[in-house]
Amino acid sequence: MEKVKSYDIETANSWFDVIVYEKSDGSGFVGEYSGISPKATQGKPPGGQTPIMKDWGAGTVTGSDLEQVVQQCFVEIEKIDGEIVRSIERNE
């Protein structure tokens, strides 16, 4: 699978990563998301988790339309931790 988009997502309490891949056979896309809480006050914490952090685990969304997969990842994140206050697409 080839990565086609990635995002840093911020809610009021957490940070999430979203990465969307194109399936190897060209039949659609797979979006993966994971998060940690609480978020650092000045930005995303470097390195591993501290003992007070909670790992929200990972989830996966699949579909044939790239933008629908991205939006569904965002919907799933909002179900986990509330409204998204900022999303930044990474240029990797």
PDB file of N, CA and C in Angstrom:
ATOM      1  N   MET A   1       0.848  -1.183   0.000  1.00  0.00           N
ATOM      2  CA  MET A   1       0.000   0.000   0.000  1.00  0.00           C
ATOM      3  C   MET A   1       0.887   1.239   0.000  1.00  0.00           C
ATOM      4  N   GLU A   2       0.418   2.246  -0.701  1.00  0.00           N
ATOM      5  CA  GLU A   2       1.152   3.503  -0.799  1.00  0.00           C
ATOM      6  C   GLU A   2       0.422   4.597  -0.029  1.00  0.00           C
ATOM      7  N   LYS A   3       1.161   5.314   0.832  1.00  0.00           N
ATOM      8  CA  LYS A   3       0.571   6.405   1.597  1.00  0.00           C
ATOM      9  C   LYS A   3       0.231   7.543   0.657  1.00  0.00           C
ATOM     10  N   VAL A   4      -1.025   8.075   0.784  1.00  0.00           N
ATOM     11  CA  VAL A   4      -1.435   9.177  -0.079  1.00  0.00           C
ATOM     12  C   VAL A   4      -1.751  10.452   0.696  1.00  0.00           C
ATOM     13  N   LYS A   5      -2.127  10.321   1.968  1.00  0.00           N
ATOM     14  CA  LYS A   5      -2.403  11.502   2.797  1.00  0.00           C
ATOM     15  C   LYS A   5      -2.117  11.160   4.249  1.00  0.00           C
ATOM     16  N   SER A   6      -1.730  12.190   5.019  1.00  0.00           N
ATOM     17  CA  SER A   6      -1.581  12.018   6.458  1.00  0.00           C
ATOM     18  C   SER A   6      -1.913  13.340   7.151  1.00  0.00           C
ATOM     19  N   TYR A   7      -2.443  13.223   8.370  1.00  0.00           N
ATOM     20  CA  TYR A   7      -2.918  14.393   9.110  1.00  0.00           C
ATOM     21  C   TYR A   7      -2.528  14.300  10.581  1.00  0.00           C
ATOM     22  N   ASP A   8      -2.306  15.466  11.187  1.00  0.00           N
ATOM     23  CA  ASP A   8      -2.254  15.614  12.634  1.00  0.00           C
ATOM     24  C   ASP A   8      -3.600  16.189  13.031  1.00  0.00           C
ATOM     25  N   ILE A   9      -4.290  15.525  13.945  1.00  0.00           N
ATOM     26  CA  ILE A   9      -5.622  15.934  14.377  1.00  0.00           C
ATOM     27  C   ILE A   9      -5.586  16.287  15.859  1.00  0.00           C
ATOM     28  N   GLU A  10      -6.215  17.386  16.208  1.00  0.00           N
ATOM     29  CA  GLU A  10      -6.275  17.827  17.595  1.00  0.00           C
ATOM     30  C   GLU A  10      -7.727  17.956  18.030  1.00  0.00           C
ATOM     31  N   THR A  11      -8.046  17.341  19.168  1.00  0.00           N
ATOM     32  CA  THR A  11      -9.327  17.581  19.832  1.00  0.00           C
ATOM     33  C   THR A  11      -9.017  18.398  21.081  1.00  0.00           C
ATOM     34  N   ALA A  12     -10.014  18.690  21.887  1.00  0.00           N
ATOM     35  CA  ALA A  12      -9.774  19.474  23.096  1.00  0.00           C
ATOM     36  C   ALA A  12      -8.810  18.771  24.047  1.00  0.00           C
ATOM     37  N   ASN A  13      -8.793  17.440  24.038  1.00  0.00           N
ATOM     38  CA  ASN A  13      -7.999  16.685  25.010  1.00  0.00           C
ATOM     39  C   ASN A  13      -6.926  15.787  24.426  1.00  0.00           C
ATOM     40  N   SER A  14      -6.912  15.570  23.128  1.00  0.00           N
ATOM     41  CA  SER A  14      -6.048  14.531  22.565  1.00  0.00           C
ATOM     42  C   SER A  14      -5.422  14.937  21.242  1.00  0.00           C
ATOM     43  N   TRP A  15      -4.403  14.167  20.857  1.00  0.00           N
ATOM     44  CA  TRP A  15      -3.779  14.233  19.542  1.00  0.00           C
ATOM     45  C   TRP A  15      -4.046  12.926  18.827  1.00  0.00           C
ATOM     46  N   PHE A  16      -4.327  12.983  17.538  1.00  0.00           N
ATOM     47  CA  PHE A  16      -4.524  11.794  16.717  1.00  0.00           C
ATOM     48  C   PHE A  16      -3.686  11.917  15.452  1.00  0.00           C
ATOM     49  N   ASP A  17      -3.275  10.779  14.941  1.00  0.00           N
ATOM     50  CA  ASP A  17      -2.640  10.684  13.630  1.00  0.00           C
ATOM     51  C   ASP A  17      -3.609   9.969  12.704  1.00  0.00           C
ATOM     52  N   VAL A  18      -3.710  10.451  11.476  1.00  0.00           N
ATOM     53  CA  VAL A  18      -4.494   9.782  10.435  1.00  0.00           C
ATOM     54  C   VAL A  18      -3.574   9.583   9.243  1.00  0.00           C
ATOM     55  N   ILE A  19      -3.517   8.355   8.756  1.00  0.00           N
ATOM     56  CA  ILE A  19      -2.744   8.045   7.555  1.00  0.00           C
ATOM     57  C   ILE A  19      -3.654   7.274   6.608  1.00  0.00           C
ATOM     58  N   VAL A  20      -3.707   7.716   5.351  1.00  0.00           N
ATOM     59  CA  VAL A  20      -4.544   7.065   4.346  1.00  0.00           C
ATOM     60  C   VAL A  20      -3.644   6.481   3.269  1.00  0.00           C
ATOM     61  N   TYR A  21      -3.890   5.221   2.965  1.00  0.00           N
ATOM     62  CA  TYR A  21      -3.125   4.481   1.968  1.00  0.00           C
ATOM     63  C   TYR A  21      -4.031   4.102   0.806  1.00  0.00           C
ATOM     64  N   GLU A  22      -3.435   4.037  -0.389  1.00  0.00           N
ATOM     65  CA  GLU A  22      -4.139   3.454  -1.529  1.00  0.00           C
ATOM     66  C   GLU A  22      -3.848   1.960  -1.525  1.00  0.00           C
ATOM     67  N   LYS A  23      -4.887   1.151  -1.698  1.00  0.00           N
ATOM     68  CA  LYS A  23      -4.698  -0.299  -1.731  1.00  0.00           C
ATOM     69  C   LYS A  23      -3.810  -0.679  -2.906  1.00  0.00           C
ATOM     70  N   SER A  24      -3.002  -1.698  -2.708  1.00  0.00           N
ATOM     71  CA  SER A  24      -2.041  -2.144  -3.727  1.00  0.00           C
ATOM     72  C   SER A  24      -2.694  -2.508  -5.049  1.00  0.00           C
ATOM     73  N   ASP A  25      -3.917  -3.030  -4.977  1.00  0.00           N
ATOM     74  CA  ASP A  25      -4.600  -3.440  -6.211  1.00  0.00           C
ATOM     75  C   ASP A  25      -5.419  -2.314  -6.839  1.00  0.00           C
ATOM     76  N   GLY A  26      -5.343  -1.100  -6.257  1.00  0.00           N
ATOM     77  CA  GLY A  26      -6.048   0.046  -6.810  1.00  0.00           C
ATOM     78  C   GLY A  26      -7.545   0.043  -6.574  1.00  0.00           C
ATOM     79  N   SER A  27      -8.018  -0.827  -5.680  1.00  0.00           N
ATOM     80  CA  SER A  27      -9.463  -0.974  -5.470  1.00  0.00           C
ATOM     81  C   SER A  27     -10.041  -0.038  -4.415  1.00  0.00           C
ATOM     82  N   GLY A  28      -9.269   0.901  -3.928  1.00  0.00           N
ATOM     83  CA  GLY A  28      -9.794   1.828  -2.931  1.00  0.00           C
ATOM     84  C   GLY A  28      -8.710   2.272  -1.964  1.00  0.00           C
ATOM     85  N   PHE A  29      -9.154   2.692  -0.776  1.00  0.00           N
ATOM     86  CA  PHE A  29      -8.264   3.318   0.201  1.00  0.00           C
ATOM     87  C   PHE A  29      -8.506   2.740   1.582  1.00  0.00           C
ATOM     88  N   VAL A  30      -7.459   2.811   2.409  1.00  0.00           N
ATOM     89  CA  VAL A  30      -7.535   2.393   3.801  1.00  0.00           C
ATOM     90  C   VAL A  30      -7.054   3.561   4.645  1.00  0.00           C
ATOM     91  N   GLY A  31      -7.878   4.003   5.585  1.00  0.00           N
ATOM     92  CA  GLY A  31      -7.498   5.051   6.514  1.00  0.00           C
ATOM     93  C   GLY A  31      -7.250   4.452   7.882  1.00  0.00           C
ATOM     94  N   GLU A  32      -6.136   4.811   8.509  1.00  0.00           N
ATOM     95  CA  GLU A  32      -5.805   4.347   9.848  1.00  0.00           C
ATOM     96  C   GLU A  32      -5.675   5.552  10.766  1.00  0.00           C
ATOM     97  N   TYR A  33      -6.224   5.431  11.970  1.00  0.00           N
ATOM     98  CA  TYR A  33      -6.111   6.518  12.940  1.00  0.00           C
ATOM     99  C   TYR A  33      -5.753   5.946  14.304  1.00  0.00           C
ATOM    100  N   SER A  34      -5.039   6.752  15.091  1.00  0.00           N
ATOM    101  CA  SER A  34      -4.702   6.393  16.462  1.00  0.00           C
ATOM    102  C   SER A  34      -4.483   7.685  17.232  1.00  0.00           C
ATOM    103  N   GLY A  35      -4.627   7.618  18.559  1.00  0.00           N
ATOM    104  CA  GLY A  35      -4.497   8.829  19.344  1.00  0.00           C
ATOM    105  C   GLY A  35      -3.992   8.589  20.739  1.00  0.00           C
ATOM    106  N   ILE A  36      -3.571   9.708  21.376  1.00  0.00           N
ATOM    107  CA  ILE A  36      -3.147   9.698  22.763  1.00  0.00           C
ATOM    108  C   ILE A  36      -3.774  10.873  23.490  1.00  0.00           C
ATOM    109  N   SER A  37      -3.955  10.717  24.790  1.00  0.00           N
ATOM    110  CA  SER A  37      -4.525  11.763  25.626  1.00  0.00           C
ATOM    111  C   SER A  37      -3.861  11.692  26.989  1.00  0.00           C
ATOM    112  N   PRO A  38      -3.713  12.763  27.742  1.00  0.00           N
ATOM    113  CA  PRO A  38      -4.014  14.141  27.337  1.00  0.00           C
ATOM    114  C   PRO A  38      -2.923  14.700  26.440  1.00  0.00           C
ATOM    115  N   LYS A  39      -3.291  15.711  25.674  1.00  0.00           N
ATOM    116  CA  LYS A  39      -2.293  16.328  24.798  1.00  0.00           C
ATOM    117  C   LYS A  39      -1.424  17.268  25.622  1.00  0.00           C
ATOM    118  N   ALA A  40      -0.226  17.513  25.140  1.00  0.00           N
ATOM    119  CA  ALA A  40       0.671  18.456  25.801  1.00  0.00           C
ATOM    120  C   ALA A  40       0.127  19.865  25.605  1.00  0.00           C
ATOM    121  N   THR A  41       0.428  20.771  26.528  1.00  0.00           N
ATOM    122  CA  THR A  41      -0.115  22.125  26.431  1.00  0.00           C
ATOM    123  C   THR A  41       0.504  22.947  25.305  1.00  0.00           C
ATOM    124  N   GLN A  42       1.732  22.669  24.915  1.00  0.00           N
ATOM    125  CA  GLN A  42       2.391  23.463  23.873  1.00  0.00           C
ATOM    126  C   GLN A  42       2.504  22.753  22.537  1.00  0.00           C
ATOM    127  N   GLY A  43       2.161  21.508  22.467  1.00  0.00           N
ATOM    128  CA  GLY A  43       2.283  20.813  21.195  1.00  0.00           C
ATOM    129  C   GLY A  43       2.355  19.320  21.396  1.00  0.00           C
ATOM    130  N   LYS A  44       2.469  18.642  20.300  1.00  0.00           N
ATOM    131  CA  LYS A  44       2.515  17.186  20.318  1.00  0.00           C
ATOM    132  C   LYS A  44       3.781  16.714  21.023  1.00  0.00           C
ATOM    133  N   PRO A  45       3.663  15.831  22.011  1.00  0.00           N
ATOM    134  CA  PRO A  45       4.837  15.418  22.760  1.00  0.00           C
ATOM    135  C   PRO A  45       5.783  14.564  21.925  1.00  0.00           C
ATOM    136  N   PRO A  46       7.095  14.825  22.038  1.00  0.00           N
ATOM    137  CA  PRO A  46       8.050  14.011  21.297  1.00  0.00           C
ATOM    138  C   PRO A  46       8.251  12.648  21.959  1.00  0.00           C
ATOM    139  N   GLY A  47       8.647  11.666  21.169  1.00  0.00           N
ATOM    140  CA  GLY A  47       9.001  10.368  21.731  1.00  0.00           C
ATOM    141  C   GLY A  47       7.817   9.568  22.207  1.00  0.00           C
ATOM    142  N   GLY A  48       8.078   8.661  23.120  1.00  0.00           N
ATOM    143  CA  GLY A  48       7.060   7.743  23.625  1.00  0.00           C
ATOM    144  C   GLY A  48       6.106   8.377  24.604  1.00  0.00           C
ATOM    145  N   GLN A  49       5.175   7.565  25.031  1.00  0.00           N
ATOM    146  CA  GLN A  49       4.168   8.013  25.978  1.00  0.00           C
ATOM    147  C   GLN A  49       4.760   8.199  27.370  1.00  0.00           C
ATOM    148  N   THR A  50       4.190   9.123  28.116  1.00  0.00           N
ATOM    149  CA  THR A  50       4.510   9.247  29.531  1.00  0.00           C
ATOM    150  C   THR A  50       3.497   8.407  30.294  1.00  0.00           C
ATOM    151  N   PRO A  51       3.766   8.089  31.559  1.00  0.00           N
ATOM    152  CA  PRO A  51       2.827   7.235  32.311  1.00  0.00           C
ATOM    153  C   PRO A  51       1.409   7.786  32.432  1.00  0.00           C
ATOM    154  N   ILE A  52       1.228   9.107  32.318  1.00  0.00           N
ATOM    155  CA  ILE A  52      -0.117   9.676  32.465  1.00  0.00           C
ATOM    156  C   ILE A  52      -0.916   9.656  31.163  1.00  0.00           C
ATOM    157  N   MET A  53      -0.288   9.312  30.054  1.00  0.00           N
ATOM    158  CA  MET A  53      -0.983   9.323  28.771  1.00  0.00           C
ATOM    159  C   MET A  53      -1.829   8.077  28.584  1.00  0.00           C
ATOM    160  N   LYS A  54      -2.950   8.256  27.908  1.00  0.00           N
ATOM    161  CA  LYS A  54      -3.811   7.137  27.550  1.00  0.00           C
ATOM    162  C   LYS A  54      -3.711   6.936  26.044  1.00  0.00           C
ATOM    163  N   ASP A  55      -3.497   5.709  25.649  1.00  0.00           N
ATOM    164  CA  ASP A  55      -3.450   5.356  24.233  1.00  0.00           C
ATOM    165  C   ASP A  55      -4.869   4.994  23.802  1.00  0.00           C
ATOM    166  N   TRP A  56      -5.423   5.732  22.833  1.00  0.00           N
ATOM    167  CA  TRP A  56      -6.786   5.471  22.368  1.00  0.00           C
ATOM    168  C   TRP A  56      -6.857   4.248  21.459  1.00  0.00           C
ATOM    169  N   GLY A  57      -5.718   3.675  21.133  1.00  0.00           N
ATOM    170  CA  GLY A  57      -5.723   2.528  20.234  1.00  0.00           C
ATOM    171  C   GLY A  57      -5.830   2.978  18.789  1.00  0.00           C
ATOM    172  N   ALA A  58      -6.041   2.026  17.924  1.00  0.00           N
ATOM    173  CA  ALA A  58      -6.072   2.320  16.498  1.00  0.00           C
ATOM    174  C   ALA A  58      -7.379   1.848  15.890  1.00  0.00           C
ATOM    175  N   GLY A  59      -7.743   2.493  14.801  1.00  0.00           N
ATOM    176  CA  GLY A  59      -8.926   2.096  14.053  1.00  0.00           C
ATOM    177  C   GLY A  59      -8.644   2.178  12.570  1.00  0.00           C
ATOM    178  N   THR A  60      -9.499   1.529  11.797  1.00  0.00           N
ATOM    179  CA  THR A  60      -9.324   1.468  10.351  1.00  0.00           C
ATOM    180  C   THR A  60     -10.646   1.733   9.655  1.00  0.00           C
ATOM    181  N   VAL A  61     -10.575   2.480   8.565  1.00  0.00           N
ATOM    182  CA  VAL A  61     -11.734   2.765   7.717  1.00  0.00           C
ATOM    183  C   VAL A  61     -11.325   2.413   6.291  1.00  0.00           C
ATOM    184  N   THR A  62     -12.215   1.784   5.526  1.00  0.00           N
ATOM    185  CA  THR A  62     -11.923   1.476   4.127  1.00  0.00           C
ATOM    186  C   THR A  62     -13.025   2.031   3.238  1.00  0.00           C
ATOM    187  N   GLY A  63     -12.690   2.292   1.996  1.00  0.00           N
ATOM    188  CA  GLY A  63     -13.674   2.768   1.045  1.00  0.00           C
ATOM    189  C   GLY A  63     -13.058   2.996  -0.315  1.00  0.00           C
ATOM    190  N   SER A  64     -13.906   3.292  -1.279  1.00  0.00           N
ATOM    191  CA  SER A  64     -13.429   3.481  -2.652  1.00  0.00           C
ATOM    192  C   SER A  64     -13.092   4.931  -2.983  1.00  0.00           C
ATOM    193  N   ASP A  65     -13.554   5.892  -2.139  1.00  0.00           N
ATOM    194  CA  ASP A  65     -13.328   7.314  -2.391  1.00  0.00           C
ATOM    195  C   ASP A  65     -12.381   7.890  -1.340  1.00  0.00           C
ATOM    196  N   LEU A  66     -11.295   8.509  -1.781  1.00  0.00           N
ATOM    197  CA  LEU A  66     -10.275   9.033  -0.881  1.00  0.00           C
ATOM    198  C   LEU A  66     -10.843  10.011   0.146  1.00  0.00           C
ATOM    199  N   GLU A  67     -11.575  11.015  -0.320  1.00  0.00           N
ATOM    200  CA  GLU A  67     -12.086  12.035   0.603  1.00  0.00           C
ATOM    201  C   GLU A  67     -13.107  11.461   1.588  1.00  0.00           C
ATOM    202  N   GLN A  68     -13.893  10.484   1.165  1.00  0.00           N
ATOM    203  CA  GLN A  68     -14.840   9.845   2.084  1.00  0.00           C
ATOM    204  C   GLN A  68     -14.107   9.077   3.170  1.00  0.00           C
ATOM    205  N   VAL A  69     -13.002   8.422   2.825  1.00  0.00           N
ATOM    206  CA  VAL A  69     -12.227   7.699   3.826  1.00  0.00           C
ATOM    207  C   VAL A  69     -11.631   8.677   4.834  1.00  0.00           C
ATOM    208  N   VAL A  70     -11.078   9.793   4.356  1.00  0.00           N
ATOM    209  CA  VAL A  70     -10.533  10.819   5.258  1.00  0.00           C
ATOM    210  C   VAL A  70     -11.634  11.312   6.193  1.00  0.00           C
ATOM    211  N   GLN A  71     -12.784  11.690   5.638  1.00  0.00           N
ATOM    212  CA  GLN A  71     -13.878  12.223   6.463  1.00  0.00           C
ATOM    213  C   GLN A  71     -14.398  11.187   7.457  1.00  0.00           C
ATOM    214  N   GLN A  72     -14.444   9.920   7.065  1.00  0.00           N
ATOM    215  CA  GLN A  72     -14.912   8.881   7.985  1.00  0.00           C
ATOM    216  C   GLN A  72     -13.932   8.701   9.145  1.00  0.00           C
ATOM    217  N   CYS A  73     -12.632   8.827   8.877  1.00  0.00           N
ATOM    218  CA  CYS A  73     -11.646   8.790   9.969  1.00  0.00           C
ATOM    219  C   CYS A  73     -11.916   9.928  10.950  1.00  0.00           C
ATOM    220  N   PHE A  74     -12.197  11.120  10.418  1.00  0.00           N
ATOM    221  CA  PHE A  74     -12.488  12.263  11.280  1.00  0.00           C
ATOM    222  C   PHE A  74     -13.744  12.008  12.118  1.00  0.00           C
ATOM    223  N   VAL A  75     -14.774  11.430  11.513  1.00  0.00           N
ATOM    224  CA  VAL A  75     -16.013  11.106  12.231  1.00  0.00           C
ATOM    225  C   VAL A  75     -15.724  10.130  13.370  1.00  0.00           C
ATOM    226  N   GLU A  76     -14.915   9.114  13.096  1.00  0.00           N
ATOM    227  CA  GLU A  76     -14.587   8.120  14.123  1.00  0.00           C
ATOM    228  C   GLU A  76     -13.808   8.756  15.269  1.00  0.00           C
ATOM    229  N   ILE A  77     -12.898   9.672  14.960  1.00  0.00           N
ATOM    230  CA  ILE A  77     -12.146  10.379  15.998  1.00  0.00           C
ATOM    231  C   ILE A  77     -13.087  11.203  16.862  1.00  0.00           C
ATOM    232  N   GLU A  78     -14.047  11.894  16.246  1.00  0.00           N
ATOM    233  CA  GLU A  78     -15.004  12.683  17.026  1.00  0.00           C
ATOM    234  C   GLU A  78     -15.858  11.794  17.923  1.00  0.00           C
ATOM    235  N   LYS A  79     -16.155  10.577  17.503  1.00  0.00           N
ATOM    236  CA  LYS A  79     -16.890   9.642  18.365  1.00  0.00           C
ATOM    237  C   LYS A  79     -16.061   9.264  19.588  1.00  0.00           C
ATOM    238  N   ILE A  80     -14.751   9.171  19.414  1.00  0.00           N
ATOM    239  CA  ILE A  80     -13.862   8.782  20.507  1.00  0.00           C
ATOM    240  C   ILE A  80     -13.674   9.920  21.504  1.00  0.00           C
ATOM    241  N   ASP A  81     -13.414  11.139  21.007  1.00  0.00           N
ATOM    242  CA  ASP A  81     -12.975  12.204  21.919  1.00  0.00           C
ATOM    243  C   ASP A  81     -13.591  13.568  21.653  1.00  0.00           C
ATOM    244  N   GLY A  82     -14.663  13.651  20.920  1.00  0.00           N
ATOM    245  CA  GLY A  82     -15.326  14.931  20.727  1.00  0.00           C
ATOM    246  C   GLY A  82     -14.837  15.699  19.509  1.00  0.00           C
ATOM    247  N   GLU A  83     -15.288  16.913  19.416  1.00  0.00           N
ATOM    248  CA  GLU A  83     -15.070  17.755  18.241  1.00  0.00           C
ATOM    249  C   GLU A  83     -13.589  17.953  17.919  1.00  0.00           C
ATOM    250  N   ILE A  84     -13.277  17.889  16.647  1.00  0.00           N
ATOM    251  CA  ILE A  84     -11.928  18.191  16.170  1.00  0.00           C
ATOM    252  C   ILE A  84     -11.777  19.700  16.147  1.00  0.00           C
ATOM    253  N   VAL A  85     -10.743  20.208  16.822  1.00  0.00           N
ATOM    254  CA  VAL A  85     -10.516  21.651  16.855  1.00  0.00           C
ATOM    255  C   VAL A  85      -9.483  22.097  15.827  1.00  0.00           C
ATOM    256  N   ARG A  86      -8.668  21.134  15.343  1.00  0.00           N
ATOM    257  CA  ARG A  86      -7.699  21.490  14.302  1.00  0.00           C
ATOM    258  C   ARG A  86      -7.251  20.228  13.582  1.00  0.00           C
ATOM    259  N   SER A  87      -7.110  20.342  12.270  1.00  0.00           N
ATOM    260  CA  SER A  87      -6.517  19.269  11.483  1.00  0.00           C
ATOM    261  C   SER A  87      -5.493  19.876  10.547  1.00  0.00           C
ATOM    262  N   ILE A  88      -4.331  19.254  10.504  1.00  0.00           N
ATOM    263  CA  ILE A  88      -3.232  19.766   9.681  1.00  0.00           C
ATOM    264  C   ILE A  88      -2.779  18.622   8.782  1.00  0.00           C
ATOM    265  N   GLU A  89      -2.852  18.847   7.469  1.00  0.00           N
ATOM    266  CA  GLU A  89      -2.345  17.842   6.544  1.00  0.00           C
ATOM    267  C   GLU A  89      -0.829  17.941   6.500  1.00  0.00           C
ATOM    268  N   ARG A  90      -0.184  16.806   6.694  1.00  0.00           N
ATOM    269  CA  ARG A  90       1.273  16.765   6.662  1.00  0.00           C
ATOM    270  C   ARG A  90       1.744  16.619   5.223  1.00  0.00           C
ATOM    271  N   ASN A  91       2.835  17.292   4.905  1.00  0.00           N
ATOM    272  CA  ASN A  91       3.475  17.171   3.586  1.00  0.00           C
ATOM    273  C   ASN A  91       4.705  16.296   3.748  1.00  0.00           C
ATOM    274  N   GLU A  92       4.524  15.004   3.516  1.00  0.00           N
ATOM    275  CA  GLU A  92       5.643  14.073   3.701  1.00  0.00           C
ATOM    276  C   GLU A  92       6.130  13.564   2.381  1.00  0.00           C
TER     277      GLU A  92
END
